[in-house]
């Protein structure tokens, strides 16, 4: 199996919340935002929980997610829960001590440096054609219903 196919399969099998006939689109939309981020910031494998990433996430949400979804657009939850995926690696600050849940972008920034991807995936995402192909698959996945 190619490295490309390995990650395509992982993207298709993201651990997501389901509510009735709806599949939570947060993780696919976050991955699309990360691809957009890397298109303009390709020099380092670090995804900071920045205002820019939040803008990209919200922009992609409004373009891709149907209006009838029961879910709200929030970057914080998928950013943290993406750590359950084998390719996503959260990097907490040394001062991090989880006494309370991280429920806001401010708390996320105060406690988390960001996330990194597997080196193989990061290298793949440097290619425009790969990003476009993954994006198309994630849009299909993120907007589907059960």
C-alpha atoms as a PDB file:
ATOM      1  CA  UNK A   1       0.000   0.000   0.000  1.00  0.00           C
ATOM      2  CA  UNK A   2       1.303   3.466  -0.840  1.00  0.00           C
ATOM      3  CA  UNK A   3       1.834   6.138   1.808  1.00  0.00           C
ATOM      4  CA  UNK A   4      -0.841   8.217   0.071  1.00  0.00           C
ATOM      5  CA  UNK A   5      -3.370   5.364   0.378  1.00  0.00           C
ATOM      6  CA  UNK A   6      -2.428   4.730   4.011  1.00  0.00           C
ATOM      7  CA  UNK A   7      -3.494   8.254   4.992  1.00  0.00           C
ATOM      8  CA  UNK A   8      -6.500   8.267   2.692  1.00  0.00           C
ATOM      9  CA  UNK A   9      -7.786   5.195   4.547  1.00  0.00           C
ATOM     10  CA  UNK A  10      -7.088   6.846   7.903  1.00  0.00           C
ATOM     11  CA  UNK A  11      -8.970   9.955   6.772  1.00  0.00           C
ATOM     12  CA  UNK A  12     -11.944   7.837   5.723  1.00  0.00           C
ATOM     13  CA  UNK A  13     -11.986   6.131   9.128  1.00  0.00           C
ATOM     14  CA  UNK A  14     -11.681   9.124  11.436  1.00  0.00           C
ATOM     15  CA  UNK A  15     -13.166   8.660  14.897  1.00  0.00           C
ATOM     16  CA  UNK A  16     -16.158  10.979  14.751  1.00  0.00           C
ATOM     17  CA  UNK A  17     -19.276  11.708  16.748  1.00  0.00           C
ATOM     18  CA  UNK A  18     -22.607  10.660  15.268  1.00  0.00           C
ATOM     19  CA  UNK A  19     -25.917  12.286  16.076  1.00  0.00           C
ATOM     20  CA  UNK A  20     -28.914  10.651  14.444  1.00  0.00           C
ATOM     21  CA  UNK A  21     -28.238  10.580  10.720  1.00  0.00           C
ATOM     22  CA  UNK A  22     -25.468  13.186  11.000  1.00  0.00           C
ATOM     23  CA  UNK A  23     -21.739  12.589  11.195  1.00  0.00           C
ATOM     24  CA  UNK A  24     -19.761  15.303  12.968  1.00  0.00           C
ATOM     25  CA  UNK A  25     -17.806  17.164  10.275  1.00  0.00           C
ATOM     26  CA  UNK A  26     -15.298  18.780  12.647  1.00  0.00           C
ATOM     27  CA  UNK A  27     -12.283  16.536  12.021  1.00  0.00           C
ATOM     28  CA  UNK A  28     -12.552  16.530   8.210  1.00  0.00           C
ATOM     29  CA  UNK A  29     -12.987  20.310   8.228  1.00  0.00           C
ATOM     30  CA  UNK A  30     -10.003  20.724  10.564  1.00  0.00           C
ATOM     31  CA  UNK A  31      -7.846  18.625   8.234  1.00  0.00           C
ATOM     32  CA  UNK A  32      -8.905  20.766   5.273  1.00  0.00           C
ATOM     33  CA  UNK A  33      -8.008  23.897   7.273  1.00  0.00           C
ATOM     34  CA  UNK A  34      -4.616  22.357   8.109  1.00  0.00           C
ATOM     35  CA  UNK A  35      -4.001  21.707   4.410  1.00  0.00           C
ATOM     36  CA  UNK A  36      -4.848  25.337   3.661  1.00  0.00           C
ATOM     37  CA  UNK A  37      -2.535  26.420   6.468  1.00  0.00           C
ATOM     38  CA  UNK A  38       0.345  24.319   5.109  1.00  0.00           C
ATOM     39  CA  UNK A  39      -0.219  25.699   1.609  1.00  0.00           C
ATOM     40  CA  UNK A  40       0.907  29.092   2.952  1.00  0.00           C
ATOM     41  CA  UNK A  41       3.158  27.965   5.842  1.00  0.00           C
ATOM     42  CA  UNK A  42       5.034  24.937   4.510  1.00  0.00           C
ATOM     43  CA  UNK A  43       8.289  25.317   6.407  1.00  0.00           C
ATOM     44  CA  UNK A  44       7.541  23.570   9.688  1.00  0.00           C
ATOM     45  CA  UNK A  45       5.490  20.586  10.788  1.00  0.00           C
ATOM     46  CA  UNK A  46       3.622  22.446  13.522  1.00  0.00           C
ATOM     47  CA  UNK A  47      -0.046  23.343  13.547  1.00  0.00           C
ATOM     48  CA  UNK A  48      -0.574  26.101  16.094  1.00  0.00           C
ATOM     49  CA  UNK A  49      -4.066  26.733  17.501  1.00  0.00           C
ATOM     50  CA  UNK A  50      -3.915  30.205  15.997  1.00  0.00           C
ATOM     51  CA  UNK A  51      -6.495  32.776  14.975  1.00  0.00           C
ATOM     52  CA  UNK A  52      -5.507  32.079  11.346  1.00  0.00           C
ATOM     53  CA  UNK A  53      -6.195  28.353  11.683  1.00  0.00           C
ATOM     54  CA  UNK A  54      -9.551  29.185  13.295  1.00  0.00           C
ATOM     55  CA  UNK A  55     -10.407  31.479  10.360  1.00  0.00           C
ATOM     56  CA  UNK A  56      -9.532  28.726   7.885  1.00  0.00           C
ATOM     57  CA  UNK A  57     -11.593  26.221   9.871  1.00  0.00           C
ATOM     58  CA  UNK A  58     -14.664  28.491  10.002  1.00  0.00           C
ATOM     59  CA  UNK A  59     -14.351  29.409   6.318  1.00  0.00           C
ATOM     60  CA  UNK A  60     -14.200  25.772   5.271  1.00  0.00           C
ATOM     61  CA  UNK A  61     -17.051  24.907   7.625  1.00  0.00           C
ATOM     62  CA  UNK A  62     -19.353  27.453   6.004  1.00  0.00           C
ATOM     63  CA  UNK A  63     -18.377  26.288   2.517  1.00  0.00           C
ATOM     64  CA  UNK A  64     -18.691  22.556   3.155  1.00  0.00           C
ATOM     65  CA  UNK A  65     -21.119  21.776   5.954  1.00  0.00           C
ATOM     66  CA  UNK A  66     -24.876  21.680   5.255  1.00  0.00           C
ATOM     67  CA  UNK A  67     -26.991  24.222   7.108  1.00  0.00           C
ATOM     68  CA  UNK A  68     -29.165  21.514   8.633  1.00  0.00           C
ATOM     69  CA  UNK A  69     -26.324  19.987  10.660  1.00  0.00           C
ATOM     70  CA  UNK A  70     -26.946  19.813  14.420  1.00  0.00           C
ATOM     71  CA  UNK A  71     -23.261  20.612  15.050  1.00  0.00           C
ATOM     72  CA  UNK A  72     -21.687  23.974  15.842  1.00  0.00           C
ATOM     73  CA  UNK A  73     -18.435  25.123  14.254  1.00  0.00           C
ATOM     74  CA  UNK A  74     -15.702  24.996  16.882  1.00  0.00           C
ATOM     75  CA  UNK A  75     -11.995  24.405  16.385  1.00  0.00           C
ATOM     76  CA  UNK A  76     -11.162  23.458  19.977  1.00  0.00           C
ATOM     77  CA  UNK A  77     -12.896  20.089  20.238  1.00  0.00           C
ATOM     78  CA  UNK A  78     -11.546  18.518  17.036  1.00  0.00           C
ATOM     79  CA  UNK A  79      -8.081  19.946  17.666  1.00  0.00           C
ATOM     80  CA  UNK A  80      -7.890  18.063  20.969  1.00  0.00           C
ATOM     81  CA  UNK A  81      -9.807  14.948  19.917  1.00  0.00           C
ATOM     82  CA  UNK A  82      -7.769  14.577  16.731  1.00  0.00           C
ATOM     83  CA  UNK A  83      -5.103  13.186  19.077  1.00  0.00           C
ATOM     84  CA  UNK A  84      -7.039   9.893  18.912  1.00  0.00           C
ATOM     85  CA  UNK A  85      -5.986   9.645  15.266  1.00  0.00           C
ATOM     86  CA  UNK A  86      -2.656   7.881  14.662  1.00  0.00           C
ATOM     87  CA  UNK A  87      -1.164  10.686  12.535  1.00  0.00           C
ATOM     88  CA  UNK A  88      -1.924  13.655  14.865  1.00  0.00           C
ATOM     89  CA  UNK A  89       0.333  14.466  17.809  1.00  0.00           C
ATOM     90  CA  UNK A  90      -0.586  17.166  20.335  1.00  0.00           C
ATOM     91  CA  UNK A  91       2.262  19.137  21.857  1.00  0.00           C
ATOM     92  CA  UNK A  92       1.355  20.556  25.257  1.00  0.00           C
ATOM     93  CA  UNK A  93       3.290  23.285  27.016  1.00  0.00           C
ATOM     94  CA  UNK A  94       5.507  22.155  29.881  1.00  0.00           C
ATOM     95  CA  UNK A  95       3.252  24.052  32.280  1.00  0.00           C
ATOM     96  CA  UNK A  96       0.152  22.116  31.178  1.00  0.00           C
ATOM     97  CA  UNK A  97      -1.820  20.527  33.985  1.00  0.00           C
ATOM     98  CA  UNK A  98      -5.326  19.489  33.044  1.00  0.00           C
ATOM     99  CA  UNK A  99      -7.365  20.439  36.069  1.00  0.00           C
ATOM    100  CA  UNK A 100     -10.284  21.546  33.939  1.00  0.00           C
ATOM    101  CA  UNK A 101     -11.350  20.792  30.379  1.00  0.00           C
ATOM    102  CA  UNK A 102     -10.050  22.916  27.548  1.00  0.00           C
ATOM    103  CA  UNK A 103     -13.234  24.493  26.219  1.00  0.00           C
ATOM    104  CA  UNK A 104     -12.087  27.672  24.487  1.00  0.00           C
ATOM    105  CA  UNK A 105      -9.503  28.738  21.948  1.00  0.00           C
ATOM    106  CA  UNK A 106      -7.833  30.872  24.632  1.00  0.00           C
ATOM    107  CA  UNK A 107      -7.460  27.888  26.971  1.00  0.00           C
ATOM    108  CA  UNK A 108      -6.186  25.789  24.080  1.00  0.00           C
ATOM    109  CA  UNK A 109      -3.535  28.397  23.223  1.00  0.00           C
ATOM    110  CA  UNK A 110      -2.561  28.769  26.884  1.00  0.00           C
ATOM    111  CA  UNK A 111      -1.984  25.026  27.280  1.00  0.00           C
ATOM    112  CA  UNK A 112      -0.980  23.706  23.880  1.00  0.00           C
ATOM    113  CA  UNK A 113       1.895  24.642  21.575  1.00  0.00           C
ATOM    114  CA  UNK A 114       0.105  22.936  18.713  1.00  0.00           C
ATOM    115  CA  UNK A 115       0.086  19.617  16.933  1.00  0.00           C
ATOM    116  CA  UNK A 116       2.375  17.847  14.520  1.00  0.00           C
ATOM    117  CA  UNK A 117       1.591  15.293  11.851  1.00  0.00           C
ATOM    118  CA  UNK A 118       3.450  12.117  11.002  1.00  0.00           C
ATOM    119  CA  UNK A 119       6.504  13.121   8.985  1.00  0.00           C
ATOM    120  CA  UNK A 120       5.280  11.070   6.001  1.00  0.00           C
ATOM    121  CA  UNK A 121       1.916  12.845   5.971  1.00  0.00           C
ATOM    122  CA  UNK A 122       3.516  16.247   6.419  1.00  0.00           C
ATOM    123  CA  UNK A 123       5.778  15.546   3.423  1.00  0.00           C
ATOM    124  CA  UNK A 124       2.790  14.464   1.313  1.00  0.00           C
ATOM    125  CA  UNK A 125       0.910  17.667   2.171  1.00  0.00           C
ATOM    126  CA  UNK A 126       3.673  19.774   0.645  1.00  0.00           C
ATOM    127  CA  UNK A 127       2.338  18.705  -2.772  1.00  0.00           C
ATOM    128  CA  UNK A 128      -0.560  20.771  -4.178  1.00  0.00           C
ATOM    129  CA  UNK A 129      -2.061  17.818  -6.053  1.00  0.00           C
ATOM    130  CA  UNK A 130      -2.051  15.614  -2.958  1.00  0.00           C
ATOM    131  CA  UNK A 131      -3.676  18.348  -0.872  1.00  0.00           C
ATOM    132  CA  UNK A 132      -6.374  18.831  -3.525  1.00  0.00           C
ATOM    133  CA  UNK A 133      -7.065  15.102  -3.720  1.00  0.00           C
ATOM    134  CA  UNK A 134      -7.305  14.701   0.051  1.00  0.00           C
ATOM    135  CA  UNK A 135      -9.428  17.846   0.300  1.00  0.00           C
ATOM    136  CA  UNK A 136     -11.972  16.475  -2.192  1.00  0.00           C
ATOM    137  CA  UNK A 137     -12.232  13.215  -0.251  1.00  0.00           C
ATOM    138  CA  UNK A 138     -12.578  15.021   3.084  1.00  0.00           C
ATOM    139  CA  UNK A 139     -15.301  17.329   1.751  1.00  0.00           C
ATOM    140  CA  UNK A 140     -17.284  14.278   0.622  1.00  0.00           C
ATOM    141  CA  UNK A 141     -16.738  12.610   3.983  1.00  0.00           C
ATOM    142  CA  UNK A 142     -17.413  15.724   6.093  1.00  0.00           C
ATOM    143  CA  UNK A 143     -20.705  16.571   4.441  1.00  0.00           C
ATOM    144  CA  UNK A 144     -22.245  13.094   4.335  1.00  0.00           C
ATOM    145  CA  UNK A 145     -25.000  11.714   6.466  1.00  0.00           C
ATOM    146  CA  UNK A 146     -25.508   8.174   7.669  1.00  0.00           C
END
